[in-house]
Structure formats: structure tokens, C-alpha cells
Amino acid sequence: MMAARETATTRAPQHVGTPPSDSNEFSILPGGPLFRLLVGARLAGPALERLPRRIAVICIAAWLPLFVLSLAEGRAVRGTALPFFHDIALHVRLLIALPLFLAAELAVHRAMPVVVREFVRRGIVADSGHERFRAAVTSALRWRDSTVAEIVLLAVVYGAGIAAVWHYEVALRVGRIFFAGASLPEHWGDIALVLVFGLALVLGPMLALSPALFGAKKEGLLRYGALAERYVRDFDAKWVSGQGQGDEALLGAADIQSLADLGNSFGTVKNMQLVAFTTEGIVLLAAATLAPVAPLVLTMIPAGELFDRLAKLLL
């Protein structure tokens, strides 16, 4: 009995794969010349250790030169339409958002190997695709460590002028609304432009997955449609036409539940999205993009009146 059980266990197909060794330590963060520079400066370790020190040094290096230059030019407190200490958006970016991004790096670094391993363990990557999956992981690690790739990325970032767009389209408008008497409605167009730009920047690259999703949905509909057709034909012959029912009772028959399960499976494939993001994700991203502008509503509506309106909506 034990020998038969061991033989059956040995011959049983393995539904849970063994992840490639490269995926066990896969992360896009610890690599490249910038990371090596941080390690050499003792601001990071092989596993992105020394986070507090890294946050302190990088934030000071980003904020302090601007403070010194504004102080030297007499624009720290006055002397311009938007003095340095009145530029709320700048301080939020450098002293709040930047530390959060650096902290998020560590969380992403720890999560990525787990996520990559699940592609194999859950059977998303079939046994026949292990070699291609390992090659893809290896290729990604090579790109991560590439000096040329990092230089190109830096050139694209600075060439696009993301910081300039944010400063002149949002930060300057915020300062004018707070300190120069401008009104929020005057800048709805600028705010909308920044919102569209931010959504396109984050969601645009995901559209590259749409052709693959379309192909997977098309193939799934064909396969599950053929399966459903065969099953419904057999179900009709057995239970409706009565050709193969025999003495089996309809009440409690497993065929009924199987038919319902098949319908749910086909519905899942049919409702598959052709984009790699959801409406909820778009709303959350838009809310995060517009969050710095939200306090400016108080320049149009007094806080007391705003709270009264919110209370009436909620109660």
C-alpha cells in the first residue's frame, strides 16, 4: 500500500513549479552605476540597507543648495513673487515626497522577488516556458546593471523637463493663489494639463500590454467557447433530451453545478480587460496627483462652509 502510494505520488503531475534561481533574488533596484555610487558612499548596502542615512543625505543635498542660493540672492523670504520659504510645493517634494520615494524603494525591493517567484509557483509560467522566463529575468538583470541604460534614462528624464513642467504649471500657480491674490478657477486649464500629463506618464507604458491582452482574450474565448459548446451539447443530450440520464436523479446532480461553473469561467474570460489598469486605479492616481491642489479649495470656500457642505452630504 505504501509503495503504491509513493509510486502514485511520484507519477502525479507537479502543479507547483520551482522558480528559477535568478528569480529568487530578482530586483530592479540594487544595480547600475548610481547604486554602486551609493554603496561606495556608504549610503546603501547590497540589500538597500542604511535607509535613514540615505534619506537624510539625499534630502539635504537636494534642499540645502536651493536654500543657500535663494539666501544669497535675497529671495529666501521676499524679493520675488514666490520666495523660497513660501514655495510650499517645493518643500513638500523635497522634504516629504522624496523621503517617501526612497522608503518605497526598500519596500519594492523586498516585494519583487516574492512576486516574480509567484509567476512560476502559481503556474502562470508553464513548465515549458521556464527557460524563456529565466532568460527574461537574466535579461532584465543585465539591463538593470547597464551603465548605458541608466545614462539614457537620466537623459530622458531631464530632457522631458518633468521638474520644469511641475514647477511652472503647478508650484508657481499655487504660490500665486496663496500669496499674489490669484484665484483657483484661473488655473483650471493648467491643473488639467498636469493631471493629463501625470496619468499619461504612469498609465501610458501599460498600454504596451494591450495587444498581448487582446490576443489572450481572443484565444481564451475561442477555447472556452469550444469547451462550452461541447459541454452544453452533452448536457442537453443527457438531461434535456433524456438520452443518457439513466436512473440518476436531477436534484443534486453534479452536472448542474459544473454547467454553472463553466458559465462563470467563460464570463471571466469574456469580461477580461484589454488594458492593464482599472478605473479604480485611474481614480486613485488622479486623486494623488490632485492632492497638492486640494487645500487651495479653501481659497474659494471658507473652511466652515466647506465642512457644513460635507456634513450635509454625509448625513
C-alpha atoms as a PDB file:
ATOM      1  CA  MET A   1       0.000   0.000   0.000  1.00  0.00           C
ATOM      2  CA  MET A   2       2.759   2.431   0.947  1.00  0.00           C
ATOM      3  CA  ALA A   3       4.734   1.553  -2.187  1.00  0.00           C
ATOM      4  CA  ALA A   4       1.697   2.126  -4.389  1.00  0.00           C
ATOM      5  CA  ARG A   5       1.047   5.462  -2.705  1.00  0.00           C
ATOM      6  CA  GLU A   6       4.667   6.535  -3.171  1.00  0.00           C
ATOM      7  CA  THR A   7       4.525   5.481  -6.839  1.00  0.00           C
ATOM      8  CA  ALA A   8       1.311   7.440  -7.403  1.00  0.00           C
ATOM      9  CA  THR A   9       2.801  10.461  -5.698  1.00  0.00           C
ATOM     10  CA  THR A  10       5.929  10.223  -7.836  1.00  0.00           C
ATOM     11  CA  ARG A  11       3.936   9.984 -11.044  1.00  0.00           C
ATOM     12  CA  ALA A  12       1.489  12.755 -10.157  1.00  0.00           C
ATOM     13  CA  PRO A  13       1.994  15.938 -12.214  1.00  0.00           C
ATOM     14  CA  GLN A  14       3.612  18.810 -10.401  1.00  0.00           C
ATOM     15  CA  HIS A  15       1.287  21.821 -10.488  1.00  0.00           C
ATOM     16  CA  VAL A  16       3.626  23.984  -8.442  1.00  0.00           C
ATOM     17  CA  GLY A  17       6.827  24.803 -10.282  1.00  0.00           C
ATOM     18  CA  THR A  18      10.255  25.539  -8.897  1.00  0.00           C
ATOM     19  CA  PRO A  19      11.244  29.145  -9.544  1.00  0.00           C
ATOM     20  CA  PRO A  20      14.488  29.761 -11.435  1.00  0.00           C
ATOM     21  CA  SER A  21      17.377  30.649  -9.160  1.00  0.00           C
ATOM     22  CA  ASP A  22      17.688  34.113 -10.706  1.00  0.00           C
ATOM     23  CA  SER A  23      14.119  34.979  -9.675  1.00  0.00           C
ATOM     24  CA  ASN A  24      14.842  34.286  -6.007  1.00  0.00           C
ATOM     25  CA  GLU A  25      16.903  37.466  -5.772  1.00  0.00           C
ATOM     26  CA  PHE A  26      15.340  39.437  -8.625  1.00  0.00           C
ATOM     27  CA  SER A  27      15.026  43.190  -8.065  1.00  0.00           C
ATOM     28  CA  ILE A  28      15.433  46.138 -10.403  1.00  0.00           C
ATOM     29  CA  LEU A  29      16.876  48.365  -7.660  1.00  0.00           C
ATOM     30  CA  PRO A  30      20.295  47.078  -6.447  1.00  0.00           C
ATOM     31  CA  GLY A  31      22.246  47.594  -9.649  1.00  0.00           C
ATOM     32  CA  GLY A  32      23.684  50.164 -12.020  1.00  0.00           C
ATOM     33  CA  PRO A  33      26.275  52.892 -11.559  1.00  0.00           C
ATOM     34  CA  LEU A  34      24.085  55.050  -9.314  1.00  0.00           C
ATOM     35  CA  PHE A  35      23.543  52.175  -6.901  1.00  0.00           C
ATOM     36  CA  ARG A  36      27.267  51.395  -6.906  1.00  0.00           C
ATOM     37  CA  LEU A  37      27.922  55.056  -6.125  1.00  0.00           C
ATOM     38  CA  LEU A  38      25.540  54.887  -3.150  1.00  0.00           C
ATOM     39  CA  VAL A  39      27.233  51.727  -1.898  1.00  0.00           C
ATOM     40  CA  GLY A  40      30.667  53.324  -2.269  1.00  0.00           C
ATOM     41  CA  ALA A  41      29.476  56.360  -0.310  1.00  0.00           C
ATOM     42  CA  ARG A  42      28.092  54.035   2.392  1.00  0.00           C
ATOM     43  CA  LEU A  43      24.552  55.270   1.793  1.00  0.00           C
ATOM     44  CA  ALA A  44      23.290  51.825   0.849  1.00  0.00           C
ATOM     45  CA  GLY A  45      24.131  48.170   1.274  1.00  0.00           C
ATOM     46  CA  PRO A  46      23.642  45.172  -1.018  1.00  0.00           C
ATOM     47  CA  ALA A  47      20.028  44.876   0.185  1.00  0.00           C
ATOM     48  CA  LEU A  48      19.372  48.652   0.310  1.00  0.00           C
ATOM     49  CA  GLU A  49      20.211  48.954   3.991  1.00  0.00           C
ATOM     50  CA  ARG A  50      21.021  52.326   5.684  1.00  0.00           C
ATOM     51  CA  LEU A  51      17.724  53.881   4.644  1.00  0.00           C
ATOM     52  CA  PRO A  52      17.665  56.687   7.302  1.00  0.00           C
ATOM     53  CA  ARG A  53      21.174  57.797   6.368  1.00  0.00           C
ATOM     54  CA  ARG A  54      20.300  57.711   2.651  1.00  0.00           C
ATOM     55  CA  ILE A  55      17.152  59.766   3.170  1.00  0.00           C
ATOM     56  CA  ALA A  56      18.964  62.382   5.274  1.00  0.00           C
ATOM     57  CA  VAL A  57      21.902  62.842   2.902  1.00  0.00           C
ATOM     58  CA  ILE A  58      19.874  62.912  -0.331  1.00  0.00           C
ATOM     59  CA  CYS A  59      17.224  65.271   1.023  1.00  0.00           C
ATOM     60  CA  ILE A  60      19.843  67.650   2.397  1.00  0.00           C
ATOM     61  CA  ALA A  61      21.752  67.511  -0.898  1.00  0.00           C
ATOM     62  CA  ALA A  62      18.565  68.406  -2.785  1.00  0.00           C
ATOM     63  CA  TRP A  63      17.183  71.070  -0.432  1.00  0.00           C
ATOM     64  CA  LEU A  64      20.236  72.824   1.033  1.00  0.00           C
ATOM     65  CA  PRO A  65      21.761  74.198  -2.227  1.00  0.00           C
ATOM     66  CA  LEU A  66      18.443  75.796  -3.163  1.00  0.00           C
ATOM     67  CA  PHE A  67      18.219  77.392   0.260  1.00  0.00           C
ATOM     68  CA  VAL A  68      21.781  78.749   0.037  1.00  0.00           C
ATOM     69  CA  LEU A  69      21.224  80.151  -3.474  1.00  0.00           C
ATOM     70  CA  SER A  70      17.925  81.790  -2.521  1.00  0.00           C
ATOM     71  CA  LEU A  71      19.540  83.256   0.584  1.00  0.00           C
ATOM     72  CA  ALA A  72      22.453  84.620  -1.459  1.00  0.00           C
ATOM     73  CA  GLU A  73      20.080  86.215  -3.992  1.00  0.00           C
ATOM     74  CA  GLY A  74      17.824  87.648  -1.303  1.00  0.00           C
ATOM     75  CA  ARG A  75      14.854  85.528  -2.341  1.00  0.00           C
ATOM     76  CA  ALA A  76      14.507  83.301   0.685  1.00  0.00           C
ATOM     77  CA  VAL A  77      11.692  85.318   2.292  1.00  0.00           C
ATOM     78  CA  ARG A  78      10.993  88.179  -0.113  1.00  0.00           C
ATOM     79  CA  GLY A  79      12.303  89.724  -3.297  1.00  0.00           C
ATOM     80  CA  THR A  80      10.227  87.682  -5.740  1.00  0.00           C
ATOM     81  CA  ALA A  81       6.642  86.667  -6.401  1.00  0.00           C
ATOM     82  CA  LEU A  82       7.276  83.263  -4.838  1.00  0.00           C
ATOM     83  CA  PRO A  83      10.074  83.312  -2.229  1.00  0.00           C
ATOM     84  CA  PHE A  84      11.861  80.136  -1.275  1.00  0.00           C
ATOM     85  CA  PHE A  85      10.176  79.627   2.108  1.00  0.00           C
ATOM     86  CA  HIS A  86       6.757  80.359   0.570  1.00  0.00           C
ATOM     87  CA  ASP A  87       7.155  77.699  -2.107  1.00  0.00           C
ATOM     88  CA  ILE A  88       5.116  75.033  -0.362  1.00  0.00           C
ATOM     89  CA  ALA A  89       5.151  72.631  -3.296  1.00  0.00           C
ATOM     90  CA  LEU A  90       8.971  72.659  -3.413  1.00  0.00           C
ATOM     91  CA  HIS A  91       9.341  71.809   0.266  1.00  0.00           C
ATOM     92  CA  VAL A  92       6.707  69.081   0.037  1.00  0.00           C
ATOM     93  CA  ARG A  93       8.524  67.493  -2.912  1.00  0.00           C
ATOM     94  CA  LEU A  94      11.995  67.610  -1.361  1.00  0.00           C
ATOM     95  CA  LEU A  95      11.219  67.015   2.316  1.00  0.00           C
ATOM     96  CA  ILE A  96       8.145  64.762   2.183  1.00  0.00           C
ATOM     97  CA  ALA A  97       7.706  63.173  -1.244  1.00  0.00           C
ATOM     98  CA  LEU A  98      11.413  62.419  -1.775  1.00  0.00           C
ATOM     99  CA  PRO A  99      11.819  60.545   1.560  1.00  0.00           C
ATOM    100  CA  LEU A 100       8.654  58.594   0.786  1.00  0.00           C
ATOM    101  CA  PHE A 101      10.031  57.582  -2.624  1.00  0.00           C
ATOM    102  CA  LEU A 102      13.297  56.439  -1.042  1.00  0.00           C
ATOM    103  CA  ALA A 103      11.415  54.447   1.594  1.00  0.00           C
ATOM    104  CA  ALA A 104       9.222  52.915  -1.115  1.00  0.00           C
ATOM    105  CA  GLU A 105      12.353  51.630  -2.878  1.00  0.00           C
ATOM    106  CA  LEU A 106      13.100  49.348   0.049  1.00  0.00           C
ATOM    107  CA  ALA A 107       9.518  48.025   0.112  1.00  0.00           C
ATOM    108  CA  VAL A 108       9.596  47.373  -3.646  1.00  0.00           C
ATOM    109  CA  HIS A 109      12.995  45.693  -3.391  1.00  0.00           C
ATOM    110  CA  ARG A 110      11.700  43.253  -0.770  1.00  0.00           C
ATOM    111  CA  ALA A 111       8.441  42.550  -2.625  1.00  0.00           C
ATOM    112  CA  MET A 112       9.774  41.992  -6.146  1.00  0.00           C
ATOM    113  CA  PRO A 113      11.467  38.587  -5.591  1.00  0.00           C
ATOM    114  CA  VAL A 114       8.292  37.286  -3.964  1.00  0.00           C
ATOM    115  CA  VAL A 115       6.119  38.492  -6.843  1.00  0.00           C
ATOM    116  CA  VAL A 116       8.441  37.088  -9.517  1.00  0.00           C
ATOM    117  CA  ARG A 117       8.564  33.670  -7.821  1.00  0.00           C
ATOM    118  CA  GLU A 118       4.768  33.518  -7.783  1.00  0.00           C
ATOM    119  CA  PHE A 119       4.699  33.559 -11.595  1.00  0.00           C
ATOM    120  CA  VAL A 120       6.147  30.052 -11.512  1.00  0.00           C
ATOM    121  CA  ARG A 121       4.630  28.749  -8.291  1.00  0.00           C
ATOM    122  CA  ARG A 122       1.083  29.606  -9.395  1.00  0.00           C
ATOM    123  CA  GLY A 123       1.574  28.107 -12.831  1.00  0.00           C
ATOM    124  CA  ILE A 124       1.333  31.436 -14.691  1.00  0.00           C
ATOM    125  CA  VAL A 125       4.590  30.394 -16.353  1.00  0.00           C
ATOM    126  CA  ALA A 126       4.171  26.836 -17.615  1.00  0.00           C
ATOM    127  CA  ASP A 127       6.894  24.215 -17.314  1.00  0.00           C
ATOM    128  CA  SER A 128       7.658  24.603 -20.993  1.00  0.00           C
ATOM    129  CA  GLY A 129       8.272  28.329 -20.501  1.00  0.00           C
ATOM    130  CA  HIS A 130      10.765  28.102 -17.635  1.00  0.00           C
ATOM    131  CA  GLU A 131      13.766  28.593 -19.892  1.00  0.00           C
ATOM    132  CA  ARG A 132      12.247  31.663 -21.541  1.00  0.00           C
ATOM    133  CA  PHE A 133      11.249  33.012 -18.137  1.00  0.00           C
ATOM    134  CA  ARG A 134      14.787  32.522 -16.825  1.00  0.00           C
ATOM    135  CA  ALA A 135      16.166  34.243 -19.927  1.00  0.00           C
ATOM    136  CA  ALA A 136      13.786  37.173 -19.401  1.00  0.00           C
ATOM    137  CA  VAL A 137      14.875  37.522 -15.763  1.00  0.00           C
ATOM    138  CA  THR A 138      18.540  37.377 -16.752  1.00  0.00           C
ATOM    139  CA  SER A 139      17.996  39.971 -19.483  1.00  0.00           C
ATOM    140  CA  ALA A 140      16.224  42.283 -17.041  1.00  0.00           C
ATOM    141  CA  LEU A 141      19.118  41.990 -14.592  1.00  0.00           C
ATOM    142  CA  ARG A 142      21.581  42.866 -17.361  1.00  0.00           C
ATOM    143  CA  TRP A 143      19.580  45.959 -18.262  1.00  0.00           C
ATOM    144  CA  ARG A 144      19.406  46.879 -14.585  1.00  0.00           C
ATOM    145  CA  ASP A 145      23.217  46.790 -14.319  1.00  0.00           C
ATOM    146  CA  SER A 146      23.790  48.582 -17.640  1.00  0.00           C
ATOM    147  CA  THR A 147      25.565  51.918 -17.460  1.00  0.00           C
ATOM    148  CA  VAL A 148      24.298  52.912 -20.895  1.00  0.00           C
ATOM    149  CA  ALA A 149      20.676  52.232 -19.944  1.00  0.00           C
ATOM    150  CA  GLU A 150      20.952  54.375 -16.824  1.00  0.00           C
ATOM    151  CA  ILE A 151      22.526  57.253 -18.746  1.00  0.00           C
ATOM    152  CA  VAL A 152      19.721  57.091 -21.327  1.00  0.00           C
ATOM    153  CA  LEU A 153      17.097  57.127 -18.577  1.00  0.00           C
ATOM    154  CA  LEU A 154      18.685  60.177 -16.951  1.00  0.00           C
ATOM    155  CA  ALA A 155      18.811  61.945 -20.311  1.00  0.00           C
ATOM    156  CA  VAL A 156      15.146  61.188 -20.971  1.00  0.00           C
ATOM    157  CA  VAL A 157      14.094  62.434 -17.531  1.00  0.00           C
ATOM    158  CA  TYR A 158      15.975  65.694 -17.758  1.00  0.00           C
ATOM    159  CA  GLY A 159      15.185  66.125 -21.435  1.00  0.00           C
ATOM    160  CA  ALA A 160      11.480  65.835 -20.811  1.00  0.00           C
ATOM    161  CA  GLY A 161      11.679  68.617 -18.272  1.00  0.00           C
ATOM    162  CA  ILE A 162       9.332  66.995 -15.793  1.00  0.00           C
ATOM    163  CA  ALA A 163      10.549  69.175 -12.956  1.00  0.00           C
ATOM    164  CA  ALA A 164      10.122  72.329 -15.018  1.00  0.00           C
ATOM    165  CA  VAL A 165       6.593  71.373 -16.062  1.00  0.00           C
ATOM    166  CA  TRP A 166       5.592  70.738 -12.454  1.00  0.00           C
ATOM    167  CA  HIS A 167       7.208  73.954 -11.190  1.00  0.00           C
ATOM    168  CA  TYR A 168       5.772  76.321 -13.737  1.00  0.00           C
ATOM    169  CA  GLU A 169       2.383  74.673 -14.141  1.00  0.00           C
ATOM    170  CA  VAL A 170       1.613  73.862 -10.525  1.00  0.00           C
ATOM    171  CA  ALA A 171       4.022  75.229  -7.940  1.00  0.00           C
ATOM    172  CA  LEU A 172       4.042  78.735  -9.352  1.00  0.00           C
ATOM    173  CA  ARG A 173       0.248  78.738  -9.611  1.00  0.00           C
ATOM    174  CA  VAL A 174      -0.070  77.567  -6.027  1.00  0.00           C
ATOM    175  CA  GLY A 175       2.182  80.364  -4.858  1.00  0.00           C
ATOM    176  CA  ARG A 176       0.229  82.953  -6.810  1.00  0.00           C
ATOM    177  CA  ILE A 177      -3.070  81.738  -5.378  1.00  0.00           C
ATOM    178  CA  PHE A 178      -1.744  81.874  -1.821  1.00  0.00           C
ATOM    179  CA  PHE A 179       0.424  84.981  -1.961  1.00  0.00           C
ATOM    180  CA  ALA A 180      -0.440  87.014  -5.067  1.00  0.00           C
ATOM    181  CA  GLY A 181      -4.242  87.059  -4.843  1.00  0.00           C
ATOM    182  CA  ALA A 182      -4.875  84.869  -7.914  1.00  0.00           C
ATOM    183  CA  SER A 183      -7.969  82.655  -7.921  1.00  0.00           C
ATOM    184  CA  LEU A 184      -8.062  78.899  -8.388  1.00  0.00           C
ATOM    185  CA  PRO A 185     -10.504  78.930 -11.364  1.00  0.00           C
ATOM    186  CA  GLU A 186      -7.949  80.933 -13.364  1.00  0.00           C
ATOM    187  CA  HIS A 187      -5.689  77.889 -13.438  1.00  0.00           C
ATOM    188  CA  TRP A 188      -8.114  75.039 -14.122  1.00  0.00           C
ATOM    189  CA  GLY A 189      -6.505  74.578 -17.528  1.00  0.00           C
ATOM    190  CA  ASP A 190      -3.007  74.291 -16.017  1.00  0.00           C
ATOM    191  CA  ILE A 191      -4.207  71.829 -13.400  1.00  0.00           C
ATOM    192  CA  ALA A 192      -5.969  69.725 -16.031  1.00  0.00           C
ATOM    193  CA  LEU A 193      -2.788  69.708 -18.138  1.00  0.00           C
ATOM    194  CA  VAL A 194      -0.720  68.432 -15.227  1.00  0.00           C
ATOM    195  CA  LEU A 195      -3.359  65.789 -14.446  1.00  0.00           C
ATOM    196  CA  VAL A 196      -3.407  64.502 -18.030  1.00  0.00           C
ATOM    197  CA  PHE A 197       0.382  64.548 -18.195  1.00  0.00           C
ATOM    198  CA  GLY A 198       0.690  62.597 -14.933  1.00  0.00           C
ATOM    199  CA  LEU A 199      -1.847  59.977 -15.968  1.00  0.00           C
ATOM    200  CA  ALA A 200      -0.208  59.555 -19.371  1.00  0.00           C
ATOM    201  CA  LEU A 201       3.234  59.256 -17.777  1.00  0.00           C
ATOM    202  CA  VAL A 202       2.172  56.415 -15.461  1.00  0.00           C
ATOM    203  CA  LEU A 203      -0.503  54.620 -17.475  1.00  0.00           C
ATOM    204  CA  GLY A 204       0.828  55.163 -20.990  1.00  0.00           C
ATOM    205  CA  PRO A 205       3.559  52.485 -20.823  1.00  0.00           C
ATOM    206  CA  MET A 206       0.982  49.934 -19.637  1.00  0.00           C
ATOM    207  CA  LEU A 207      -0.854  50.249 -22.948  1.00  0.00           C
ATOM    208  CA  ALA A 208       2.015  48.280 -24.495  1.00  0.00           C
ATOM    209  CA  LEU A 209       0.471  45.198 -22.841  1.00  0.00           C
ATOM    210  CA  SER A 210      -2.890  45.679 -24.577  1.00  0.00           C
ATOM    211  CA  PRO A 211      -2.036  43.693 -27.758  1.00  0.00           C
ATOM    212  CA  ALA A 212      -0.974  40.700 -25.645  1.00  0.00           C
ATOM    213  CA  LEU A 213      -4.129  41.000 -23.527  1.00  0.00           C
ATOM    214  CA  PHE A 214      -6.265  41.175 -26.663  1.00  0.00           C
ATOM    215  CA  GLY A 215      -4.612  38.041 -28.049  1.00  0.00           C
ATOM    216  CA  ALA A 216      -5.046  36.174 -24.748  1.00  0.00           C
ATOM    217  CA  LYS A 217      -8.714  37.172 -24.541  1.00  0.00           C
ATOM    218  CA  LYS A 218      -9.364  36.142 -28.144  1.00  0.00           C
ATOM    219  CA  GLU A 219      -7.686  32.764 -27.677  1.00  0.00           C
ATOM    220  CA  GLY A 220      -9.473  32.225 -24.357  1.00  0.00           C
ATOM    221  CA  LEU A 221     -12.877  32.963 -25.875  1.00  0.00           C
ATOM    222  CA  LEU A 222     -12.226  30.502 -28.678  1.00  0.00           C
ATOM    223  CA  ARG A 223     -11.060  27.713 -26.368  1.00  0.00           C
ATOM    224  CA  TYR A 224     -13.668  28.197 -23.656  1.00  0.00           C
ATOM    225  CA  GLY A 225     -16.356  28.705 -26.322  1.00  0.00           C
ATOM    226  CA  ALA A 226     -15.488  25.350 -27.880  1.00  0.00           C
ATOM    227  CA  LEU A 227     -15.431  23.695 -24.451  1.00  0.00           C
ATOM    228  CA  ALA A 228     -18.777  25.249 -23.524  1.00  0.00           C
ATOM    229  CA  GLU A 229     -20.321  24.138 -26.799  1.00  0.00           C
ATOM    230  CA  ARG A 230     -19.272  20.511 -26.239  1.00  0.00           C
ATOM    231  CA  TYR A 231     -20.415  20.531 -22.645  1.00  0.00           C
ATOM    232  CA  VAL A 232     -23.813  22.102 -23.403  1.00  0.00           C
ATOM    233  CA  ARG A 233     -24.381  19.614 -26.231  1.00  0.00           C
ATOM    234  CA  ASP A 234     -23.653  16.690 -23.896  1.00  0.00           C
ATOM    235  CA  PHE A 235     -25.733  18.263 -21.126  1.00  0.00           C
ATOM    236  CA  ASP A 236     -28.664  18.696 -23.484  1.00  0.00           C
ATOM    237  CA  ALA A 237     -28.386  15.121 -24.686  1.00  0.00           C
ATOM    238  CA  LYS A 238     -28.290  13.769 -21.139  1.00  0.00           C
ATOM    239  CA  TRP A 239     -30.759  15.942 -19.219  1.00  0.00           C
ATOM    240  CA  VAL A 240     -32.991  17.650 -21.778  1.00  0.00           C
ATOM    241  CA  SER A 241     -33.351  15.003 -24.462  1.00  0.00           C
ATOM    242  CA  GLY A 242     -33.037  12.219 -21.889  1.00  0.00           C
ATOM    243  CA  GLN A 243     -30.697  10.077 -23.988  1.00  0.00           C
ATOM    244  CA  GLY A 244     -28.190   9.190 -21.271  1.00  0.00           C
ATOM    245  CA  GLN A 245     -29.828  10.114 -17.988  1.00  0.00           C
ATOM    246  CA  GLY A 246     -30.451   6.592 -16.744  1.00  0.00           C
ATOM    247  CA  ASP A 247     -31.520   6.329 -13.101  1.00  0.00           C
ATOM    248  CA  GLU A 248     -29.537   9.392 -11.993  1.00  0.00           C
ATOM    249  CA  ALA A 249     -31.679  11.983 -10.194  1.00  0.00           C
ATOM    250  CA  LEU A 250     -31.693  15.574 -11.458  1.00  0.00           C
ATOM    251  CA  LEU A 251     -31.891  17.007  -7.954  1.00  0.00           C
ATOM    252  CA  GLY A 252     -28.360  17.366  -6.586  1.00  0.00           C
ATOM    253  CA  ALA A 253     -26.679  16.265  -9.815  1.00  0.00           C
ATOM    254  CA  ALA A 254     -23.105  17.490 -10.169  1.00  0.00           C
ATOM    255  CA  ASP A 255     -23.677  18.313 -13.845  1.00  0.00           C
ATOM    256  CA  ILE A 256     -25.838  21.315 -12.883  1.00  0.00           C
ATOM    257  CA  GLN A 257     -23.093  22.877 -10.758  1.00  0.00           C
ATOM    258  CA  SER A 258     -20.491  22.079 -13.414  1.00  0.00           C
ATOM    259  CA  LEU A 259     -22.568  23.902 -16.009  1.00  0.00           C
ATOM    260  CA  ALA A 260     -22.796  26.946 -13.737  1.00  0.00           C
ATOM    261  CA  ASP A 261     -19.038  26.843 -13.055  1.00  0.00           C
ATOM    262  CA  LEU A 262     -18.327  26.651 -16.775  1.00  0.00           C
ATOM    263  CA  GLY A 263     -20.570  29.669 -17.363  1.00  0.00           C
ATOM    264  CA  ASN A 264     -18.664  31.623 -14.686  1.00  0.00           C
ATOM    265  CA  SER A 265     -15.329  30.670 -16.236  1.00  0.00           C
ATOM    266  CA  PHE A 266     -16.456  31.768 -19.688  1.00  0.00           C
ATOM    267  CA  GLY A 267     -17.794  35.018 -18.197  1.00  0.00           C
ATOM    268  CA  THR A 268     -14.421  35.704 -16.575  1.00  0.00           C
ATOM    269  CA  VAL A 269     -12.673  35.386 -19.936  1.00  0.00           C
ATOM    270  CA  LYS A 270     -15.367  37.443 -21.671  1.00  0.00           C
ATOM    271  CA  ASN A 271     -15.054  40.284 -19.134  1.00  0.00           C
ATOM    272  CA  MET A 272     -11.259  40.341 -19.328  1.00  0.00           C
ATOM    273  CA  GLN A 273      -9.980  43.911 -19.729  1.00  0.00           C
ATOM    274  CA  LEU A 274      -7.815  44.974 -22.638  1.00  0.00           C
ATOM    275  CA  VAL A 275      -5.800  47.404 -20.512  1.00  0.00           C
ATOM    276  CA  ALA A 276      -3.553  46.620 -17.545  1.00  0.00           C
ATOM    277  CA  PHE A 277      -5.231  49.116 -15.205  1.00  0.00           C
ATOM    278  CA  THR A 278      -8.680  49.613 -13.741  1.00  0.00           C
ATOM    279  CA  THR A 279     -10.995  52.572 -13.340  1.00  0.00           C
ATOM    280  CA  GLU A 280     -10.315  52.471  -9.619  1.00  0.00           C
ATOM    281  CA  GLY A 281      -6.599  52.742 -10.301  1.00  0.00           C
ATOM    282  CA  ILE A 282      -7.142  55.789 -12.532  1.00  0.00           C
ATOM    283  CA  VAL A 283      -9.250  57.477  -9.846  1.00  0.00           C
ATOM    284  CA  LEU A 284      -6.642  56.805  -7.136  1.00  0.00           C
ATOM    285  CA  LEU A 285      -3.823  58.089  -9.349  1.00  0.00           C
ATOM    286  CA  ALA A 286      -5.797  61.214 -10.249  1.00  0.00           C
ATOM    287  CA  ALA A 287      -6.548  61.815  -6.562  1.00  0.00           C
ATOM    288  CA  ALA A 288      -2.867  61.506  -5.669  1.00  0.00           C
ATOM    289  CA  THR A 289      -1.936  63.905  -8.480  1.00  0.00           C
ATOM    290  CA  LEU A 290      -4.503  66.495  -7.413  1.00  0.00           C
ATOM    291  CA  ALA A 291      -3.862  66.124  -3.674  1.00  0.00           C
ATOM    292  CA  PRO A 292      -1.426  69.110  -3.516  1.00  0.00           C
ATOM    293  CA  VAL A 293      -4.109  71.301  -5.109  1.00  0.00           C
ATOM    294  CA  ALA A 294      -6.899  70.225  -2.739  1.00  0.00           C
ATOM    295  CA  PRO A 295      -6.050  72.755   0.036  1.00  0.00           C
ATOM    296  CA  LEU A 296      -6.483  75.558  -2.497  1.00  0.00           C
ATOM    297  CA  VAL A 297     -10.229  74.941  -2.426  1.00  0.00           C
ATOM    298  CA  LEU A 298     -10.149  76.834   0.873  1.00  0.00           C
ATOM    299  CA  THR A 299      -9.219  79.974  -1.078  1.00  0.00           C
ATOM    300  CA  MET A 300     -12.633  79.781  -2.751  1.00  0.00           C
ATOM    301  CA  ILE A 301     -14.814  78.395   0.037  1.00  0.00           C
ATOM    302  CA  PRO A 302     -14.343  79.173   3.766  1.00  0.00           C
ATOM    303  CA  ALA A 303     -13.426  76.153   5.836  1.00  0.00           C
ATOM    304  CA  GLY A 304     -16.574  76.353   7.942  1.00  0.00           C
ATOM    305  CA  GLU A 305     -18.841  76.453   4.904  1.00  0.00           C
ATOM    306  CA  LEU A 306     -16.920  73.590   3.282  1.00  0.00           C
ATOM    307  CA  PHE A 307     -17.307  71.386   6.373  1.00  0.00           C
ATOM    308  CA  ASP A 308     -21.018  72.217   6.519  1.00  0.00           C
ATOM    309  CA  ARG A 309     -21.456  71.087   2.914  1.00  0.00           C
ATOM    310  CA  LEU A 310     -19.548  67.866   3.555  1.00  0.00           C
ATOM    311  CA  ALA A 311     -21.635  67.176   6.654  1.00  0.00           C
ATOM    312  CA  LYS A 312     -24.883  67.636   4.687  1.00  0.00           C
ATOM    313  CA  LEU A 313     -23.654  65.224   2.012  1.00  0.00           C
ATOM    314  CA  LEU A 314     -22.632  62.569   4.539  1.00  0.00           C
ATOM    315  CA  LEU A 315     -25.615  62.892   6.912  1.00  0.00           C
END
